[in-house]
Amino acid sequence: MKVRLALLSLALAGAIGATMPVMAQDAAKDATATKKVAKWQGHILRIDKDHSMIDLRGGQAPANDERKVAYDDKTEWTKQGKPATMDDFKEGSFVIVLGHVADKGIMHATRVDLRLPR
């Protein structure tokens, strides 16, 4: 009887131990998925330098959604893939924005790339 109980305990411990790494991997995949880089594109409607925000109109064609993009001093500004300054960006400019979308639907831009007018 003691042998059966010991074997049952070992089998149960092994089953629990085998599922723990799988659960840890699933949690790691979920964390990676939430940090996925989003890509938005469109024309700049407004630039609010006081609040470090850009209002963008565009999206996947034929969408014409209005979206908000936040930027900070770590945001990389480029013009057709080459370094640029924020002063190069004006209302009406076509841009591609890379970053992470927050819960409220506002993207925190890591890179804003100025493209030729379409």
PDB file of N, CA and C in Angstrom:
ATOM      1  N   MET A   1       0.823  -1.189   0.000  1.00  0.00           N
ATOM      2  CA  MET A   1       0.000   0.000   0.000  1.00  0.00           C
ATOM      3  C   MET A   1       0.875   1.264   0.000  1.00  0.00           C
ATOM      4  N   LYS A   2       1.952   1.277   0.806  1.00  0.00           N
ATOM      5  CA  LYS A   2       2.842   2.434   0.876  1.00  0.00           C
ATOM      6  C   LYS A   2       3.558   2.635  -0.455  1.00  0.00           C
ATOM      7  N   VAL A   3       3.866   1.544  -1.149  1.00  0.00           N
ATOM      8  CA  VAL A   3       4.557   1.639  -2.434  1.00  0.00           C
ATOM      9  C   VAL A   3       3.640   2.283  -3.471  1.00  0.00           C
ATOM     10  N   ARG A   4       2.374   1.866  -3.480  1.00  0.00           N
ATOM     11  CA  ARG A   4       1.418   2.451  -4.426  1.00  0.00           C
ATOM     12  C   ARG A   4       1.229   3.945  -4.159  1.00  0.00           C
ATOM     13  N   LEU A   5       1.132   4.304  -2.892  1.00  0.00           N
ATOM     14  CA  LEU A   5       0.962   5.714  -2.534  1.00  0.00           C
ATOM     15  C   LEU A   5       2.188   6.529  -2.953  1.00  0.00           C
ATOM     16  N   ALA A   6       3.361   5.967  -2.752  1.00  0.00           N
ATOM     17  CA  ALA A   6       4.589   6.656  -3.143  1.00  0.00           C
ATOM     18  C   ALA A   6       4.656   6.818  -4.654  1.00  0.00           C
ATOM     19  N   LEU A   7       4.297   5.779  -5.410  1.00  0.00           N
ATOM     20  CA  LEU A   7       4.306   5.861  -6.868  1.00  0.00           C
ATOM     21  C   LEU A   7       3.275   6.870  -7.378  1.00  0.00           C
ATOM     22  N   LEU A   8       2.105   6.883  -6.765  1.00  0.00           N
ATOM     23  CA  LEU A   8       1.068   7.830  -7.142  1.00  0.00           C
ATOM     24  C   LEU A   8       1.528   9.270  -6.876  1.00  0.00           C
ATOM     25  N   SER A   9       2.186   9.488  -5.749  1.00  0.00           N
ATOM     26  CA  SER A   9       2.699  10.818  -5.410  1.00  0.00           C
ATOM     27  C   SER A   9       3.760  11.263  -6.407  1.00  0.00           C
ATOM     28  N   LEU A  10       4.654  10.351  -6.797  1.00  0.00           N
ATOM     29  CA  LEU A  10       5.689  10.677  -7.773  1.00  0.00           C
ATOM     30  C   LEU A  10       5.079  10.990  -9.144  1.00  0.00           C
ATOM     31  N   ALA A  11       4.083  10.224  -9.540  1.00  0.00           N
ATOM     32  CA  ALA A  11       3.440  10.453 -10.830  1.00  0.00           C
ATOM     33  C   ALA A  11       2.735  11.810 -10.835  1.00  0.00           C
ATOM     34  N   LEU A  12       2.062  12.142  -9.759  1.00  0.00           N
ATOM     35  CA  LEU A  12       1.371  13.417  -9.655  1.00  0.00           C
ATOM     36  C   LEU A  12       2.370  14.581  -9.667  1.00  0.00           C
ATOM     37  N   ALA A  13       3.443  14.445  -8.945  1.00  0.00           N
ATOM     38  CA  ALA A  13       4.474  15.487  -8.910  1.00  0.00           C
ATOM     39  C   ALA A  13       5.101  15.657 -10.293  1.00  0.00           C
ATOM     40  N   GLY A  14       5.320  14.561 -10.992  1.00  0.00           N
ATOM     41  CA  GLY A  14       5.884  14.633 -12.341  1.00  0.00           C
ATOM     42  C   GLY A  14       4.938  15.327 -13.310  1.00  0.00           C
ATOM     43  N   ALA A  15       3.652  15.046 -13.202  1.00  0.00           N
ATOM     44  CA  ALA A  15       2.672  15.674 -14.088  1.00  0.00           C
ATOM     45  C   ALA A  15       2.596  17.175 -13.843  1.00  0.00           C
ATOM     46  N   ILE A  16       2.625  17.571 -12.589  1.00  0.00           N
ATOM     47  CA  ILE A  16       2.590  19.002 -12.258  1.00  0.00           C
ATOM     48  C   ILE A  16       3.864  19.683 -12.734  1.00  0.00           C
ATOM     49  N   GLY A  17       4.988  19.044 -12.502  1.00  0.00           N
ATOM     50  CA  GLY A  17       6.276  19.602 -12.932  1.00  0.00           C
ATOM     51  C   GLY A  17       6.378  19.728 -14.438  1.00  0.00           C
ATOM     52  N   ALA A  18       5.757  18.825 -15.167  1.00  0.00           N
ATOM     53  CA  ALA A  18       5.813  18.873 -16.628  1.00  0.00           C
ATOM     54  C   ALA A  18       4.971  20.003 -17.193  1.00  0.00           C
ATOM     55  N   THR A  19       3.902  20.382 -16.519  1.00  0.00           N
ATOM     56  CA  THR A  19       3.042  21.451 -17.037  1.00  0.00           C
ATOM     57  C   THR A  19       3.553  22.844 -16.687  1.00  0.00           C
ATOM     58  N   MET A  20       4.384  22.980 -15.690  1.00  0.00           N
ATOM     59  CA  MET A  20       4.875  24.298 -15.277  1.00  0.00           C
ATOM     60  C   MET A  20       5.669  24.984 -16.395  1.00  0.00           C
ATOM     61  N   PRO A  21       6.640  24.323 -17.067  1.00  0.00           N
ATOM     62  CA  PRO A  21       7.360  25.018 -18.139  1.00  0.00           C
ATOM     63  C   PRO A  21       6.435  25.432 -19.286  1.00  0.00           C
ATOM     64  N   VAL A  22       5.423  24.637 -19.583  1.00  0.00           N
ATOM     65  CA  VAL A  22       4.489  24.978 -20.650  1.00  0.00           C
ATOM     66  C   VAL A  22       3.731  26.238 -20.288  1.00  0.00           C
ATOM     67  N   MET A  23       3.284  26.356 -19.047  1.00  0.00           N
ATOM     68  CA  MET A  23       2.566  27.549 -18.610  1.00  0.00           C
ATOM     69  C   MET A  23       3.485  28.759 -18.648  1.00  0.00           C
ATOM     70  N   ALA A  24       4.759  28.588 -18.290  1.00  0.00           N
ATOM     71  CA  ALA A  24       5.709  29.696 -18.320  1.00  0.00           C
ATOM     72  C   ALA A  24       5.957  30.145 -19.760  1.00  0.00           C
ATOM     73  N   GLN A  25       6.031  29.200 -20.694  1.00  0.00           N
ATOM     74  CA  GLN A  25       6.221  29.556 -22.094  1.00  0.00           C
ATOM     75  C   GLN A  25       5.017  30.319 -22.628  1.00  0.00           C
ATOM     76  N   ASP A  26       3.812  29.895 -22.251  1.00  0.00           N
ATOM     77  CA  ASP A  26       2.608  30.590 -22.690  1.00  0.00           C
ATOM     78  C   ASP A  26       2.590  32.026 -22.175  1.00  0.00           C
ATOM     79  N   ALA A  27       3.008  32.221 -20.938  1.00  0.00           N
ATOM     80  CA  ALA A  27       3.049  33.574 -20.366  1.00  0.00           C
ATOM     81  C   ALA A  27       4.072  34.429 -21.108  1.00  0.00           C
ATOM     82  N   ALA A  28       5.206  33.841 -21.473  1.00  0.00           N
ATOM     83  CA  ALA A  28       6.231  34.582 -22.212  1.00  0.00           C
ATOM     84  C   ALA A  28       5.722  34.963 -23.599  1.00  0.00           C
ATOM     85  N   LYS A  29       4.974  34.080 -24.251  1.00  0.00           N
ATOM     86  CA  LYS A  29       4.409  34.388 -25.569  1.00  0.00           C
ATOM     87  C   LYS A  29       3.396  35.521 -25.465  1.00  0.00           C
ATOM     88  N   ASP A  30       2.581  35.519 -24.415  1.00  0.00           N
ATOM     89  CA  ASP A  30       1.597  36.578 -24.229  1.00  0.00           C
ATOM     90  C   ASP A  30       2.286  37.927 -24.014  1.00  0.00           C
ATOM     91  N   ALA A  31       3.363  37.937 -23.247  1.00  0.00           N
ATOM     92  CA  ALA A  31       4.090  39.179 -22.997  1.00  0.00           C
ATOM     93  C   ALA A  31       4.703  39.701 -24.287  1.00  0.00           C
ATOM     94  N   THR A  32       5.219  38.814 -25.131  1.00  0.00           N
ATOM     95  CA  THR A  32       5.802  39.220 -26.402  1.00  0.00           C
ATOM     96  C   THR A  32       4.724  39.752 -27.334  1.00  0.00           C
ATOM     97  N   ALA A  33       3.568  39.135 -27.331  1.00  0.00           N
ATOM     98  CA  ALA A  33       2.490  39.564 -28.214  1.00  0.00           C
ATOM     99  C   ALA A  33       2.008  40.968 -27.869  1.00  0.00           C
ATOM    100  N   THR A  34       1.989  41.321 -26.587  1.00  0.00           N
ATOM    101  CA  THR A  34       1.525  42.654 -26.204  1.00  0.00           C
ATOM    102  C   THR A  34       2.553  43.719 -26.557  1.00  0.00           C
ATOM    103  N   LYS A  35       3.799  43.340 -26.749  1.00  0.00           N
ATOM    104  CA  LYS A  35       4.836  44.298 -27.105  1.00  0.00           C
ATOM    105  C   LYS A  35       5.072  44.350 -28.606  1.00  0.00           C
ATOM    106  N   LYS A  36       4.178  43.766 -29.386  1.00  0.00           N
ATOM    107  CA  LYS A  36       4.311  43.748 -30.830  1.00  0.00           C
ATOM    108  C   LYS A  36       4.265  45.169 -31.373  1.00  0.00           C
ATOM    109  N   VAL A  37       5.133  45.447 -32.325  1.00  0.00           N
ATOM    110  CA  VAL A  37       5.209  46.770 -32.918  1.00  0.00           C
ATOM    111  C   VAL A  37       4.069  46.940 -33.918  1.00  0.00           C
ATOM    112  N   ALA A  38       3.335  48.045 -33.765  1.00  0.00           N
ATOM    113  CA  ALA A  38       2.245  48.373 -34.681  1.00  0.00           C
ATOM    114  C   ALA A  38       2.755  49.358 -35.720  1.00  0.00           C
ATOM    115  N   LYS A  39       2.117  49.345 -36.888  1.00  0.00           N
ATOM    116  CA  LYS A  39       2.499  50.245 -37.981  1.00  0.00           C
ATOM    117  C   LYS A  39       1.249  50.973 -38.458  1.00  0.00           C
ATOM    118  N   TRP A  40       1.273  52.288 -38.335  1.00  0.00           N
ATOM    119  CA  TRP A  40       0.185  53.131 -38.815  1.00  0.00           C
ATOM    120  C   TRP A  40       0.740  54.043 -39.898  1.00  0.00           C
ATOM    121  N   GLN A  41      -0.123  54.427 -40.822  1.00  0.00           N
ATOM    122  CA  GLN A  41       0.275  55.380 -41.856  1.00  0.00           C
ATOM    123  C   GLN A  41      -0.863  56.344 -42.128  1.00  0.00           C
ATOM    124  N   GLY A  42      -0.509  57.528 -42.579  1.00  0.00           N
ATOM    125  CA  GLY A  42      -1.532  58.508 -42.892  1.00  0.00           C
ATOM    126  C   GLY A  42      -0.952  59.903 -42.987  1.00  0.00           C
ATOM    127  N   HIS A  43      -1.851  60.869 -43.111  1.00  0.00           N
ATOM    128  CA  HIS A  43      -1.455  62.274 -43.206  1.00  0.00           C
ATOM    129  C   HIS A  43      -1.610  62.954 -41.848  1.00  0.00           C
ATOM    130  N   ILE A  44      -0.679  63.826 -41.538  1.00  0.00           N
ATOM    131  CA  ILE A  44      -0.714  64.561 -40.277  1.00  0.00           C
ATOM    132  C   ILE A  44      -1.808  65.623 -40.357  1.00  0.00           C
ATOM    133  N   LEU A  45      -2.743  65.565 -39.410  1.00  0.00           N
ATOM    134  CA  LEU A  45      -3.790  66.583 -39.323  1.00  0.00           C
ATOM    135  C   LEU A  45      -3.343  67.746 -38.453  1.00  0.00           C
ATOM    136  N   ARG A  46      -2.829  67.419 -37.266  1.00  0.00           N
ATOM    137  CA  ARG A  46      -2.406  68.421 -36.290  1.00  0.00           C
ATOM    138  C   ARG A  46      -1.168  67.916 -35.549  1.00  0.00           C
ATOM    139  N   ILE A  47      -0.317  68.862 -35.168  1.00  0.00           N
ATOM    140  CA  ILE A  47       0.815  68.553 -34.304  1.00  0.00           C
ATOM    141  C   ILE A  47       0.680  69.429 -33.074  1.00  0.00           C
ATOM    142  N   ASP A  48       0.543  68.798 -31.915  1.00  0.00           N
ATOM    143  CA  ASP A  48       0.406  69.510 -30.643  1.00  0.00           C
ATOM    144  C   ASP A  48       1.718  69.339 -29.873  1.00  0.00           C
ATOM    145  N   LYS A  49       2.625  70.289 -30.045  1.00  0.00           N
ATOM    146  CA  LYS A  49       3.941  70.187 -29.414  1.00  0.00           C
ATOM    147  C   LYS A  49       3.865  70.333 -27.896  1.00  0.00           C
ATOM    148  N   ASP A  50       2.854  71.059 -27.403  1.00  0.00           N
ATOM    149  CA  ASP A  50       2.708  71.238 -25.957  1.00  0.00           C
ATOM    150  C   ASP A  50       2.423  69.921 -25.251  1.00  0.00           C
ATOM    151  N   HIS A  51       1.649  69.037 -25.904  1.00  0.00           N
ATOM    152  CA  HIS A  51       1.289  67.750 -25.307  1.00  0.00           C
ATOM    153  C   HIS A  51       1.989  66.572 -25.978  1.00  0.00           C
ATOM    154  N   SER A  52       2.912  66.856 -26.911  1.00  0.00           N
ATOM    155  CA  SER A  52       3.664  65.826 -27.642  1.00  0.00           C
ATOM    156  C   SER A  52       2.725  64.816 -28.307  1.00  0.00           C
ATOM    157  N   MET A  53       1.757  65.337 -29.051  1.00  0.00           N
ATOM    158  CA  MET A  53       0.764  64.493 -29.727  1.00  0.00           C
ATOM    159  C   MET A  53       0.644  64.884 -31.203  1.00  0.00           C
ATOM    160  N   ILE A  54       0.364  63.871 -32.018  1.00  0.00           N
ATOM    161  CA  ILE A  54       0.091  64.076 -33.439  1.00  0.00           C
ATOM    162  C   ILE A  54      -1.259  63.445 -33.735  1.00  0.00           C
ATOM    163  N   ASP A  55      -2.117  64.169 -34.436  1.00  0.00           N
ATOM    164  CA  ASP A  55      -3.366  63.597 -34.935  1.00  0.00           C
ATOM    165  C   ASP A  55      -3.111  63.171 -36.365  1.00  0.00           C
ATOM    166  N   LEU A  56      -3.442  61.928 -36.658  1.00  0.00           N
ATOM    167  CA  LEU A  56      -3.129  61.312 -37.939  1.00  0.00           C
ATOM    168  C   LEU A  56      -4.413  60.828 -38.591  1.00  0.00           C
ATOM    169  N   ARG A  57      -4.571  61.044 -39.882  1.00  0.00           N
ATOM    170  CA  ARG A  57      -5.734  60.526 -40.606  1.00  0.00           C
ATOM    171  C   ARG A  57      -5.228  59.561 -41.667  1.00  0.00           C
ATOM    172  N   GLY A  58      -5.770  58.339 -41.619  1.00  0.00           N
ATOM    173  CA  GLY A  58      -5.370  57.342 -42.606  1.00  0.00           C
ATOM    174  C   GLY A  58      -5.605  55.943 -42.085  1.00  0.00           C
ATOM    175  N   GLY A  59      -4.815  55.031 -42.566  1.00  0.00           N
ATOM    176  CA  GLY A  59      -4.959  53.627 -42.225  1.00  0.00           C
ATOM    177  C   GLY A  59      -4.879  52.800 -43.480  1.00  0.00           C
ATOM    178  N   GLN A  60      -5.243  51.549 -43.378  1.00  0.00           N
ATOM    179  CA  GLN A  60      -5.252  50.684 -44.544  1.00  0.00           C
ATOM    180  C   GLN A  60      -6.333  51.171 -45.501  1.00  0.00           C
ATOM    181  N   ALA A  61      -5.975  51.311 -46.786  1.00  0.00           N
ATOM    182  CA  ALA A  61      -6.936  51.803 -47.775  1.00  0.00           C
ATOM    183  C   ALA A  61      -8.153  50.910 -47.802  1.00  0.00           C
ATOM    184  N   PRO A  62      -9.323  51.414 -47.884  1.00  0.00           N
ATOM    185  CA  PRO A  62      -9.756  52.798 -48.073  1.00  0.00           C
ATOM    186  C   PRO A  62     -10.088  53.496 -46.757  1.00  0.00           C
ATOM    187  N   ALA A  63      -9.573  53.011 -45.634  1.00  0.00           N
ATOM    188  CA  ALA A  63      -9.890  53.588 -44.327  1.00  0.00           C
ATOM    189  C   ALA A  63      -9.444  55.046 -44.256  1.00  0.00           C
ATOM    190  N   ASN A  64     -10.176  55.818 -43.499  1.00  0.00           N
ATOM    191  CA  ASN A  64      -9.880  57.231 -43.320  1.00  0.00           C
ATOM    192  C   ASN A  64     -10.030  57.589 -41.851  1.00  0.00           C
ATOM    193  N   ASP A  65      -9.520  56.702 -40.982  1.00  0.00           N
ATOM    194  CA  ASP A  65      -9.667  56.855 -39.540  1.00  0.00           C
ATOM    195  C   ASP A  65      -8.768  57.962 -39.013  1.00  0.00           C
ATOM    196  N   GLU A  66      -9.221  58.576 -37.919  1.00  0.00           N
ATOM    197  CA  GLU A  66      -8.393  59.563 -37.231  1.00  0.00           C
ATOM    198  C   GLU A  66      -7.817  58.902 -35.988  1.00  0.00           C
ATOM    199  N   ARG A  67      -6.503  59.000 -35.825  1.00  0.00           N
ATOM    200  CA  ARG A  67      -5.810  58.339 -34.719  1.00  0.00           C
ATOM    201  C   ARG A  67      -4.876  59.315 -34.028  1.00  0.00           C
ATOM    202  N   LYS A  68      -4.567  59.006 -32.770  1.00  0.00           N
ATOM    203  CA  LYS A  68      -3.660  59.842 -31.985  1.00  0.00           C
ATOM    204  C   LYS A  68      -2.337  59.110 -31.783  1.00  0.00           C
ATOM    205  N   VAL A  69      -1.253  59.865 -31.936  1.00  0.00           N
ATOM    206  CA  VAL A  69       0.093  59.337 -31.772  1.00  0.00           C
ATOM    207  C   VAL A  69       0.824  60.210 -30.764  1.00  0.00           C
ATOM    208  N   ALA A  70       1.383  59.579 -29.740  1.00  0.00           N
ATOM    209  CA  ALA A  70       2.188  60.299 -28.751  1.00  0.00           C
ATOM    210  C   ALA A  70       3.666  60.087 -29.081  1.00  0.00           C
ATOM    211  N   TYR A  71       4.470  61.096 -28.844  1.00  0.00           N
ATOM    212  CA  TYR A  71       5.908  60.980 -29.065  1.00  0.00           C
ATOM    213  C   TYR A  71       6.642  61.557 -27.873  1.00  0.00           C
ATOM    214  N   ASP A  72       7.933  61.241 -27.785  1.00  0.00           N
ATOM    215  CA  ASP A  72       8.763  61.795 -26.717  1.00  0.00           C
ATOM    216  C   ASP A  72      10.173  62.009 -27.244  1.00  0.00           C
ATOM    217  N   ASP A  73      11.104  62.288 -26.337  1.00  0.00           N
ATOM    218  CA  ASP A  73      12.473  62.556 -26.767  1.00  0.00           C
ATOM    219  C   ASP A  73      13.197  61.316 -27.284  1.00  0.00           C
ATOM    220  N   LYS A  74      12.639  60.126 -27.064  1.00  0.00           N
ATOM    221  CA  LYS A  74      13.246  58.892 -27.569  1.00  0.00           C
ATOM    222  C   LYS A  74      12.722  58.514 -28.959  1.00  0.00           C
ATOM    223  N   THR A  75      11.700  59.212 -29.442  1.00  0.00           N
ATOM    224  CA  THR A  75      11.133  58.924 -30.757  1.00  0.00           C
ATOM    225  C   THR A  75      12.157  59.267 -31.833  1.00  0.00           C
ATOM    226  N   GLU A  76      12.328  58.342 -32.770  1.00  0.00           N
ATOM    227  CA  GLU A  76      13.264  58.533 -33.873  1.00  0.00           C
ATOM    228  C   GLU A  76      12.510  59.169 -35.045  1.00  0.00           C
ATOM    229  N   TRP A  77      13.031  60.267 -35.570  1.00  0.00           N
ATOM    230  CA  TRP A  77      12.416  60.980 -36.688  1.00  0.00           C
ATOM    231  C   TRP A  77      13.256  60.729 -37.921  1.00  0.00           C
ATOM    232  N   THR A  78      12.647  60.225 -38.997  1.00  0.00           N
ATOM    233  CA  THR A  78      13.376  59.934 -40.221  1.00  0.00           C
ATOM    234  C   THR A  78      12.611  60.479 -41.430  1.00  0.00           C
ATOM    235  N   LYS A  79      13.358  60.701 -42.511  1.00  0.00           N
ATOM    236  CA  LYS A  79      12.773  61.145 -43.777  1.00  0.00           C
ATOM    237  C   LYS A  79      13.218  60.160 -44.839  1.00  0.00           C
ATOM    238  N   GLN A  80      12.295  59.345 -45.304  1.00  0.00           N
ATOM    239  CA  GLN A  80      12.555  58.271 -46.258  1.00  0.00           C
ATOM    240  C   GLN A  80      13.686  57.359 -45.767  1.00  0.00           C
ATOM    241  N   GLY A  81      13.660  57.061 -44.477  1.00  0.00           N
ATOM    242  CA  GLY A  81      14.610  56.141 -43.877  1.00  0.00           C
ATOM    243  C   GLY A  81      15.909  56.769 -43.403  1.00  0.00           C
ATOM    244  N   LYS A  82      16.119  58.054 -43.683  1.00  0.00           N
ATOM    245  CA  LYS A  82      17.348  58.739 -43.270  1.00  0.00           C
ATOM    246  C   LYS A  82      17.028  59.687 -42.114  1.00  0.00           C
ATOM    247  N   PRO A  83      18.000  59.957 -41.241  1.00  0.00           N
ATOM    248  CA  PRO A  83      17.745  60.818 -40.073  1.00  0.00           C
ATOM    249  C   PRO A  83      17.172  62.187 -40.461  1.00  0.00           C
ATOM    250  N   ALA A  84      16.231  62.649 -39.646  1.00  0.00           N
ATOM    251  CA  ALA A  84      15.593  63.949 -39.865  1.00  0.00           C
ATOM    252  C   ALA A  84      15.313  64.580 -38.509  1.00  0.00           C
ATOM    253  N   THR A  85      14.776  65.771 -38.534  1.00  0.00           N
ATOM    254  CA  THR A  85      14.368  66.431 -37.297  1.00  0.00           C
ATOM    255  C   THR A  85      12.857  66.588 -37.308  1.00  0.00           C
ATOM    256  N   MET A  86      12.291  66.822 -36.158  1.00  0.00           N
ATOM    257  CA  MET A  86      10.847  66.973 -36.065  1.00  0.00           C
ATOM    258  C   MET A  86      10.363  68.192 -36.842  1.00  0.00           C
ATOM    259  N   ASP A  87      11.221  69.172 -37.024  1.00  0.00           N
ATOM    260  CA  ASP A  87      10.844  70.381 -37.758  1.00  0.00           C
ATOM    261  C   ASP A  87      10.514  70.089 -39.225  1.00  0.00           C
ATOM    262  N   ASP A  88      10.979  68.954 -39.760  1.00  0.00           N
ATOM    263  CA  ASP A  88      10.683  68.568 -41.141  1.00  0.00           C
ATOM    264  C   ASP A  88       9.231  68.119 -41.314  1.00  0.00           C
ATOM    265  N   PHE A  89       8.548  67.827 -40.218  1.00  0.00           N
ATOM    266  CA  PHE A  89       7.193  67.281 -40.260  1.00  0.00           C
ATOM    267  C   PHE A  89       6.181  68.407 -40.121  1.00  0.00           C
ATOM    268  N   LYS A  90       5.279  68.496 -41.100  1.00  0.00           N
ATOM    269  CA  LYS A  90       4.270  69.560 -41.136  1.00  0.00           C
ATOM    270  C   LYS A  90       2.888  68.939 -41.288  1.00  0.00           C
ATOM    271  N   GLU A  91       1.873  69.726 -41.025  1.00  0.00           N
ATOM    272  CA  GLU A  91       0.500  69.279 -41.250  1.00  0.00           C
ATOM    273  C   GLU A  91       0.325  68.965 -42.728  1.00  0.00           C
ATOM    274  N   GLY A  92      -0.302  67.833 -43.020  1.00  0.00           N
ATOM    275  CA  GLY A  92      -0.498  67.398 -44.393  1.00  0.00           C
ATOM    276  C   GLY A  92       0.565  66.418 -44.870  1.00  0.00           C
ATOM    277  N   SER A  93       1.674  66.301 -44.134  1.00  0.00           N
ATOM    278  CA  SER A  93       2.735  65.364 -44.518  1.00  0.00           C
ATOM    279  C   SER A  93       2.266  63.922 -44.372  1.00  0.00           C
ATOM    280  N   PHE A  94       2.705  63.070 -45.307  1.00  0.00           N
ATOM    281  CA  PHE A  94       2.378  61.650 -45.223  1.00  0.00           C
ATOM    282  C   PHE A  94       3.477  60.958 -44.426  1.00  0.00           C
ATOM    283  N   VAL A  95       3.078  60.193 -43.386  1.00  0.00           N
ATOM    284  CA  VAL A  95       4.046  59.544 -42.509  1.00  0.00           C
ATOM    285  C   VAL A  95       3.680  58.075 -42.282  1.00  0.00           C
ATOM    286  N   ILE A  96       4.695  57.315 -41.919  1.00  0.00           N
ATOM    287  CA  ILE A  96       4.516  55.948 -41.430  1.00  0.00           C
ATOM    288  C   ILE A  96       5.049  55.946 -40.011  1.00  0.00           C
ATOM    289  N   VAL A  97       4.225  55.462 -39.075  1.00  0.00           N
ATOM    290  CA  VAL A  97       4.563  55.503 -37.656  1.00  0.00           C
ATOM    291  C   VAL A  97       4.686  54.076 -37.127  1.00  0.00           C
ATOM    292  N   LEU A  98       5.773  53.810 -36.419  1.00  0.00           N
ATOM    293  CA  LEU A  98       5.972  52.530 -35.750  1.00  0.00           C
ATOM    294  C   LEU A  98       5.950  52.778 -34.255  1.00  0.00           C
ATOM    295  N   GLY A  99       5.310  51.875 -33.515  1.00  0.00           N
ATOM    296  CA  GLY A  99       5.259  52.031 -32.067  1.00  0.00           C
ATOM    297  C   GLY A  99       4.366  50.995 -31.425  1.00  0.00           C
ATOM    298  N   HIS A 100       3.980  51.263 -30.205  1.00  0.00           N
ATOM    299  CA  HIS A 100       3.146  50.354 -29.418  1.00  0.00           C
ATOM    300  C   HIS A 100       1.840  51.065 -29.065  1.00  0.00           C
ATOM    301  N   VAL A 101       0.739  50.364 -29.280  1.00  0.00           N
ATOM    302  CA  VAL A 101      -0.580  50.938 -29.016  1.00  0.00           C
ATOM    303  C   VAL A 101      -0.969  50.653 -27.572  1.00  0.00           C
ATOM    304  N   ALA A 102      -1.331  51.703 -26.845  1.00  0.00           N
ATOM    305  CA  ALA A 102      -1.750  51.578 -25.447  1.00  0.00           C
ATOM    306  C   ALA A 102      -3.215  51.161 -25.378  1.00  0.00           C
ATOM    307  N   ASP A 103      -3.679  50.892 -24.169  1.00  0.00           N
ATOM    308  CA  ASP A 103      -5.054  50.451 -23.950  1.00  0.00           C
ATOM    309  C   ASP A 103      -6.088  51.436 -24.479  1.00  0.00           C
ATOM    310  N   LYS A 104      -5.802  52.715 -24.430  1.00  0.00           N
ATOM    311  CA  LYS A 104      -6.763  53.734 -24.857  1.00  0.00           C
ATOM    312  C   LYS A 104      -6.732  53.969 -26.364  1.00  0.00           C
ATOM    313  N   GLY A 105      -5.923  53.196 -27.096  1.00  0.00           N
ATOM    314  CA  GLY A 105      -5.865  53.334 -28.548  1.00  0.00           C
ATOM    315  C   GLY A 105      -4.901  54.397 -29.029  1.00  0.00           C
ATOM    316  N   ILE A 106      -4.094  54.930 -28.140  1.00  0.00           N
ATOM    317  CA  ILE A 106      -3.093  55.922 -28.514  1.00  0.00           C
ATOM    318  C   ILE A 106      -1.768  55.200 -28.725  1.00  0.00           C
ATOM    319  N   MET A 107      -1.158  55.452 -29.881  1.00  0.00           N
ATOM    320  CA  MET A 107       0.134  54.829 -30.159  1.00  0.00           C
ATOM    321  C   MET A 107       1.261  55.666 -29.568  1.00  0.00           C
ATOM    322  N   HIS A 108       2.195  54.983 -28.915  1.00  0.00           N
ATOM    323  CA  HIS A 108       3.419  55.636 -28.454  1.00  0.00           C
ATOM    324  C   HIS A 108       4.470  55.365 -29.523  1.00  0.00           C
ATOM    325  N   ALA A 109       4.845  56.391 -30.263  1.00  0.00           N
ATOM    326  CA  ALA A 109       5.718  56.240 -31.422  1.00  0.00           C
ATOM    327  C   ALA A 109       7.163  56.016 -31.015  1.00  0.00           C
ATOM    328  N   THR A 110       7.766  55.002 -31.614  1.00  0.00           N
ATOM    329  CA  THR A 110       9.202  54.794 -31.475  1.00  0.00           C
ATOM    330  C   THR A 110       9.933  55.351 -32.687  1.00  0.00           C
ATOM    331  N   ARG A 111       9.206  55.411 -33.831  1.00  0.00           N
ATOM    332  CA  ARG A 111       9.783  55.965 -35.060  1.00  0.00           C
ATOM    333  C   ARG A 111       8.676  56.577 -35.903  1.00  0.00           C
ATOM    334  N   VAL A 112       8.958  57.767 -36.458  1.00  0.00           N
ATOM    335  CA  VAL A 112       8.043  58.424 -37.383  1.00  0.00           C
ATOM    336  C   VAL A 112       8.854  58.720 -38.645  1.00  0.00           C
ATOM    337  N   ASP A 113       8.391  58.176 -39.775  1.00  0.00           N
ATOM    338  CA  ASP A 113       9.109  58.315 -41.033  1.00  0.00           C
ATOM    339  C   ASP A 113       8.294  59.167 -42.006  1.00  0.00           C
ATOM    340  N   LEU A 114       8.895  60.245 -42.494  1.00  0.00           N
ATOM    341  CA  LEU A 114       8.266  61.142 -43.460  1.00  0.00           C
ATOM    342  C   LEU A 114       8.453  60.551 -44.852  1.00  0.00           C
ATOM    343  N   ARG A 115       7.363  60.462 -45.600  1.00  0.00           N
ATOM    344  CA  ARG A 115       7.409  59.912 -46.951  1.00  0.00           C
ATOM    345  C   ARG A 115       7.030  60.972 -47.970  1.00  0.00           C
ATOM    346  N   LEU A 116       7.300  60.676 -49.233  1.00  0.00           N
ATOM    347  CA  LEU A 116       6.927  61.596 -50.313  1.00  0.00           C
ATOM    348  C   LEU A 116       5.409  61.706 -50.379  1.00  0.00           C
ATOM    349  N   PRO A 117       4.901  62.869 -50.784  1.00  0.00           N
ATOM    350  CA  PRO A 117       3.443  63.017 -50.906  1.00  0.00           C
ATOM    351  C   PRO A 117       2.898  62.028 -51.918  1.00  0.00           C
ATOM    352  N   ARG A 118       1.677  61.563 -51.631  1.00  0.00           N
ATOM    353  CA  ARG A 118       1.044  60.606 -52.549  1.00  0.00           C
ATOM    354  C   ARG A 118       0.106  61.318 -53.459  1.00  0.00           C
TER     355      ARG A 118
END
